Amino acid sequence: MLHTMITRHHLTLLACLACLLLPACGEDTTSGDEDNNNSSQNNTQNNNNPANNSPINNNPINNNPANNNPANNNPAPQEDAGADDAALPPDDAALPPEDATLPPEDAEAPPDAAVEDASPQGATLRGTIIRGVEPSTNPAGDARGDIYVAVLTADPIFDRANAQLVGQALLEDVDLAPQGASVTYTISNIPPRAQPYWVATFLDDNGNATVDDPAPDRGDLLQLNGISIPQVTINAAEVTWDVTLNSVLPF
């Protein structure tokens, strides 16, 4: 009996030691299994929940190929810190010396001839005048007097209203009495044109012409081309026209 009680006492002590050594001793282990089962059920419900598979979560924008554009992954070029400095010339590299393009202060101005060539004033008519006919006998003439030369836009005999004066010359006290006598004339600043001008020339043998409105009358010597005034084309800077007084005005 005593041995049996000791044995039971030993078993009771061993059981107490086992409870002390085992932390989960006496607890219900089924609760852990239930928790695991509940967790599995929750995962299954979440996976089967239609809200989790909503098209919003699978929005194609999130998978847009633009997000995978290689340009987005292209590293930004690194600026060459010395490129700008290399392209700039040194401060004094491109500057010419201060007196490189300035003419000297005492440089001569261009000659007047160059200025005249740049802006011509018109054409010049020049030539020689001779006598080709004997002086008048009625009234008596001596082939001496003033000579008038006029350049006109129309025939002063047949179209006097349109005969505009564009140039003239007055040669005073000319003596064409000797055989072979001559005199020269020059008229400048005539507007060049393709149409011919009329050139009227006469010697005032009786001395009654006026400078304001010179016109030949009976006995004066003049140049005619048949019964009209000769025509001359003046379309160059210099034109030569020689005059022969070949007629005596009979009236």
Protein backbone atom coordinates (compact mmCIF):
# COMPACT_ATOMS: atom_id res chain seq x y z
CA MET A 1 0.00 0.00 0.00
CA LEU A 2 2.78 2.42 0.90
CA HIS A 3 4.59 1.55 -2.30
CA THR A 4 1.48 2.20 -4.31
CA MET A 5 0.98 5.62 -2.72
CA ILE A 6 4.61 6.56 -3.39
CA THR A 7 4.27 5.50 -6.94
CA ARG A 8 1.14 7.59 -7.41
CA HIS A 9 2.86 10.47 -5.68
CA HIS A 10 5.76 10.20 -8.09
CA LEU A 11 3.41 10.16 -11.07
CA THR A 12 1.66 13.23 -9.79
CA LEU A 13 4.98 15.05 -9.46
CA LEU A 14 6.01 13.98 -12.96
CA ALA A 15 2.76 15.25 -14.36
CA CYS A 16 3.29 18.64 -12.69
CA LEU A 17 6.81 18.85 -14.04
CA ALA A 18 5.54 18.01 -17.50
CA CYS A 19 3.00 20.84 -17.33
CA LEU A 20 5.70 23.25 -16.27
CA LEU A 21 8.05 22.16 -19.01
CA LEU A 22 5.41 22.13 -21.80
CA PRO A 23 3.99 25.72 -22.35
CA ALA A 24 1.00 24.50 -24.34
CA CYS A 25 0.14 21.86 -21.81
CA GLY A 26 -3.50 21.78 -20.92
CA GLU A 27 -4.51 24.19 -23.78
CA ASP A 28 -6.91 23.32 -26.55
CA THR A 29 -4.87 22.92 -29.76
CA THR A 30 -7.93 22.84 -31.92
CA SER A 31 -8.19 26.63 -31.85
CA GLY A 32 -5.00 26.95 -33.90
CA ASP A 33 -6.35 24.62 -36.48
CA GLU A 34 -9.50 26.63 -36.60
CA ASP A 35 -7.52 29.82 -37.13
CA ASN A 36 -5.64 28.22 -39.99
CA ASN A 37 -8.87 27.06 -41.51
CA ASN A 38 -10.38 30.52 -41.16
CA SER A 39 -7.33 32.06 -42.85
CA SER A 40 -7.60 29.64 -45.76
CA GLN A 41 -11.29 30.42 -46.11
CA ASN A 42 -10.59 34.15 -46.12
CA ASN A 43 -7.95 33.73 -48.82
CA THR A 44 -10.34 31.68 -50.87
CA GLN A 45 -13.07 34.28 -50.47
CA ASN A 46 -10.70 37.08 -51.43
CA ASN A 47 -9.55 35.22 -54.50
CA ASN A 48 -13.10 34.49 -55.51
CA ASN A 49 -14.38 37.99 -54.73
CA PRO A 50 -15.42 39.67 -58.07
CA ALA A 51 -14.38 43.05 -56.69
CA ASN A 52 -10.77 41.92 -56.56
CA ASN A 53 -10.95 41.02 -60.25
CA SER A 54 -12.57 44.35 -61.19
CA PRO A 55 -11.48 45.78 -64.59
CA ILE A 56 -10.33 48.85 -62.70
CA ASN A 57 -7.55 46.82 -61.12
CA ASN A 58 -6.69 45.47 -64.59
CA ASN A 59 -6.91 48.92 -66.27
CA PRO A 60 -5.06 48.80 -69.63
CA ILE A 61 -3.60 52.24 -68.83
CA ASN A 62 -1.43 50.55 -66.24
CA ASN A 63 -0.13 48.29 -69.01
CA ASN A 64 0.12 51.11 -71.62
CA PRO A 65 3.13 50.47 -73.92
CA ALA A 66 3.92 54.18 -73.58
CA ASN A 67 5.03 53.45 -70.04
CA ASN A 68 7.60 51.09 -71.54
CA ASN A 69 8.73 53.65 -74.18
CA PRO A 70 12.50 53.34 -74.65
CA ALA A 71 12.63 57.14 -74.58
CA ASN A 72 11.60 57.02 -70.93
CA ASN A 73 14.59 54.85 -70.23
CA ASN A 74 16.93 56.94 -72.44
CA PRO A 75 19.51 58.52 -70.24
CA ALA A 76 19.62 62.32 -70.51
CA PRO A 77 22.64 63.50 -72.48
CA GLN A 78 25.34 64.90 -70.37
CA GLU A 79 26.30 68.43 -71.19
CA ASP A 80 29.84 68.96 -72.14
CA ALA A 81 30.97 71.57 -69.72
CA GLY A 82 33.72 72.75 -72.03
CA ALA A 83 31.79 72.69 -75.36
CA ASP A 84 30.52 76.26 -75.09
CA ASP A 85 33.88 77.54 -74.04
CA ALA A 86 35.52 75.68 -76.93
CA ALA A 87 33.18 77.29 -79.54
CA LEU A 88 33.82 80.83 -78.32
CA PRO A 89 36.87 82.54 -79.81
CA PRO A 90 39.13 84.43 -77.52
CA ASP A 91 38.12 88.00 -76.81
CA ASP A 92 40.68 89.53 -79.17
CA ALA A 93 40.63 86.83 -81.89
CA ALA A 94 38.07 88.32 -84.34
CA LEU A 95 38.49 92.02 -83.66
CA PRO A 96 40.35 93.86 -86.45
CA PRO A 97 42.72 96.60 -85.51
CA GLU A 98 40.99 99.93 -84.98
CA ASP A 99 42.60 101.56 -88.03
CA ALA A 100 42.30 98.53 -90.36
CA THR A 101 39.32 99.74 -92.44
CA LEU A 102 39.33 103.47 -91.84
CA PRO A 103 40.74 105.60 -94.67
CA PRO A 104 43.31 108.16 -93.72
CA GLU A 105 41.88 111.53 -92.79
CA ASP A 106 43.72 113.26 -95.63
CA ALA A 107 42.50 110.82 -98.32
CA GLU A 108 41.57 112.64 -101.51
CA ALA A 109 37.96 112.77 -102.65
CA PRO A 110 37.13 111.10 -105.98
CA PRO A 111 37.68 113.32 -109.00
CA ASP A 112 34.82 115.39 -110.37
CA ALA A 113 34.87 113.35 -113.57
CA ALA A 114 33.75 110.23 -111.70
CA VAL A 115 30.81 112.12 -110.21
CA GLU A 116 29.75 113.38 -113.62
CA ASP A 117 29.89 109.87 -115.09
CA ALA A 118 27.66 108.56 -112.30
CA SER A 119 24.95 111.16 -112.99
CA PRO A 120 25.08 112.32 -116.60
CA GLN A 121 23.38 115.65 -117.38
CA GLY A 122 22.27 114.73 -120.92
CA ALA A 123 23.63 114.48 -124.43
CA THR A 124 25.88 116.93 -126.21
CA LEU A 125 25.53 117.98 -129.81
CA ARG A 126 28.54 119.58 -131.46
CA GLY A 127 29.82 120.26 -134.97
CA THR A 128 31.15 122.73 -137.55
CA ILE A 129 29.17 125.35 -139.52
CA ILE A 130 30.20 126.42 -143.01
CA ARG A 131 28.62 128.45 -145.81
CA GLY A 132 27.57 126.56 -148.97
CA VAL A 133 25.71 129.31 -150.80
CA GLU A 134 26.37 132.86 -151.92
CA PRO A 135 24.93 135.67 -149.78
CA SER A 136 21.72 137.38 -150.80
CA THR A 137 21.84 140.22 -153.33
CA ASN A 138 18.35 141.56 -152.59
CA PRO A 139 18.59 142.63 -149.90
CA ALA A 140 22.32 142.71 -150.09
CA GLY A 141 24.08 140.42 -147.69
CA ASP A 142 27.70 139.79 -146.75
CA ALA A 143 27.51 136.47 -144.82
CA ARG A 144 28.37 138.22 -141.56
CA GLY A 145 26.25 138.25 -138.39
CA ASP A 146 25.00 136.17 -135.48
CA ILE A 147 24.32 132.46 -135.96
CA TYR A 148 21.46 130.74 -134.05
CA VAL A 149 21.30 126.99 -133.58
CA ALA A 150 18.19 125.44 -132.00
CA VAL A 151 17.26 121.82 -131.16
CA LEU A 152 13.46 121.33 -131.33
CA THR A 153 11.03 118.46 -130.68
CA ALA A 154 9.08 119.12 -133.91
CA ASP A 155 9.42 120.88 -137.26
CA PRO A 156 9.24 124.65 -136.58
CA ILE A 157 7.97 125.32 -140.11
CA PHE A 158 5.14 122.79 -140.44
CA ASP A 159 4.41 122.01 -136.74
CA ARG A 160 5.36 125.18 -134.91
CA ALA A 161 2.81 124.64 -132.09
CA ASN A 162 4.52 121.40 -130.98
CA ALA A 163 8.09 122.55 -131.60
CA GLN A 164 9.50 122.71 -128.07
CA LEU A 165 13.02 124.06 -127.56
CA VAL A 166 15.36 121.61 -125.75
CA GLY A 167 18.73 123.26 -126.48
CA GLN A 168 20.28 126.20 -128.32
CA ALA A 169 23.53 128.03 -129.06
CA LEU A 170 24.24 131.66 -130.06
CA LEU A 171 27.41 132.47 -131.97
CA GLU A 172 27.88 136.25 -132.19
CA ASP A 173 29.55 138.24 -134.97
CA VAL A 174 30.51 135.32 -137.15
CA ASP A 175 32.23 136.06 -140.50
CA LEU A 176 31.58 133.41 -143.13
CA ALA A 177 32.28 135.71 -146.08
CA PRO A 178 35.69 134.21 -146.98
CA GLN A 179 35.64 130.98 -148.92
CA GLY A 180 36.16 127.98 -146.63
CA ALA A 181 35.38 129.96 -143.45
CA SER A 182 33.85 127.90 -140.59
CA VAL A 183 32.86 128.08 -136.96
CA THR A 184 32.13 125.41 -134.34
CA TYR A 185 29.19 125.12 -131.95
CA THR A 186 28.29 123.03 -128.88
CA ILE A 187 24.89 122.39 -127.25
CA SER A 188 24.79 120.46 -123.97
CA ASN A 189 22.16 118.93 -121.66
CA ILE A 190 19.94 117.59 -124.45
CA PRO A 191 17.65 114.77 -123.25
CA PRO A 192 18.62 111.68 -125.29
CA ARG A 193 15.76 109.91 -127.08
CA ALA A 194 15.19 107.39 -129.84
CA GLN A 195 13.06 109.80 -131.92
CA PRO A 196 14.96 112.38 -133.98
CA TYR A 197 15.13 116.07 -133.14
CA TRP A 198 14.87 118.97 -135.58
CA VAL A 199 17.98 121.20 -135.68
CA ALA A 200 17.35 124.68 -137.08
CA THR A 201 20.37 126.85 -137.97
CA PHE A 202 20.47 130.28 -139.63
CA LEU A 203 22.80 133.26 -139.98
CA ASP A 204 21.08 136.61 -139.35
CA ASP A 205 22.65 138.35 -142.34
CA ASN A 206 20.52 141.52 -142.09
CA GLY A 207 20.85 141.77 -138.28
CA ASN A 208 17.16 142.10 -137.33
CA ALA A 209 16.63 138.86 -135.31
CA THR A 210 15.94 139.14 -131.58
CA VAL A 211 17.48 136.95 -128.89
CA ASP A 212 14.13 136.43 -127.15
CA ASP A 213 12.43 135.01 -130.28
CA PRO A 214 14.98 134.46 -133.02
CA ALA A 215 13.60 133.65 -136.47
CA PRO A 216 15.04 133.97 -139.98
CA ASP A 217 13.54 136.32 -142.56
CA ARG A 218 14.27 137.42 -146.15
CA GLY A 219 17.97 137.35 -147.09
CA ASP A 220 19.17 135.22 -144.13
CA LEU A 221 21.28 132.09 -144.74
CA LEU A 222 19.95 128.79 -143.36
CA GLN A 223 20.12 125.01 -143.71
CA LEU A 224 17.19 123.16 -145.28
CA ASN A 225 16.56 119.55 -146.24
CA GLY A 226 14.36 120.17 -149.26
CA ILE A 227 11.75 122.48 -147.76
CA SER A 228 11.97 121.30 -144.13
CA ILE A 229 14.36 121.52 -141.22
CA PRO A 230 16.94 118.67 -141.03
CA GLN A 231 16.46 115.94 -138.40
CA VAL A 232 19.17 114.54 -136.10
CA THR A 233 18.95 111.50 -133.80
CA ILE A 234 20.49 112.27 -130.41
CA ASN A 235 20.54 109.01 -128.43
CA ALA A 236 24.15 108.99 -127.18
CA ALA A 237 26.25 111.09 -124.85
CA GLU A 238 28.12 112.73 -127.74
CA VAL A 239 26.66 113.38 -131.20
CA THR A 240 28.40 115.22 -134.02
CA TRP A 241 26.34 117.13 -136.57
CA ASP A 242 28.01 119.41 -139.11
CA VAL A 243 25.91 122.18 -140.63
CA THR A 244 26.09 123.62 -144.12
CA LEU A 245 24.14 126.84 -144.74
CA ASN A 246 22.82 125.87 -148.19
CA SER A 247 19.85 128.20 -148.69
CA VAL A 248 18.89 131.88 -148.75
CA LEU A 249 15.43 132.71 -147.47
CA PRO A 250 13.66 134.46 -150.38
CA PHE A 251 10.79 136.04 -148.43
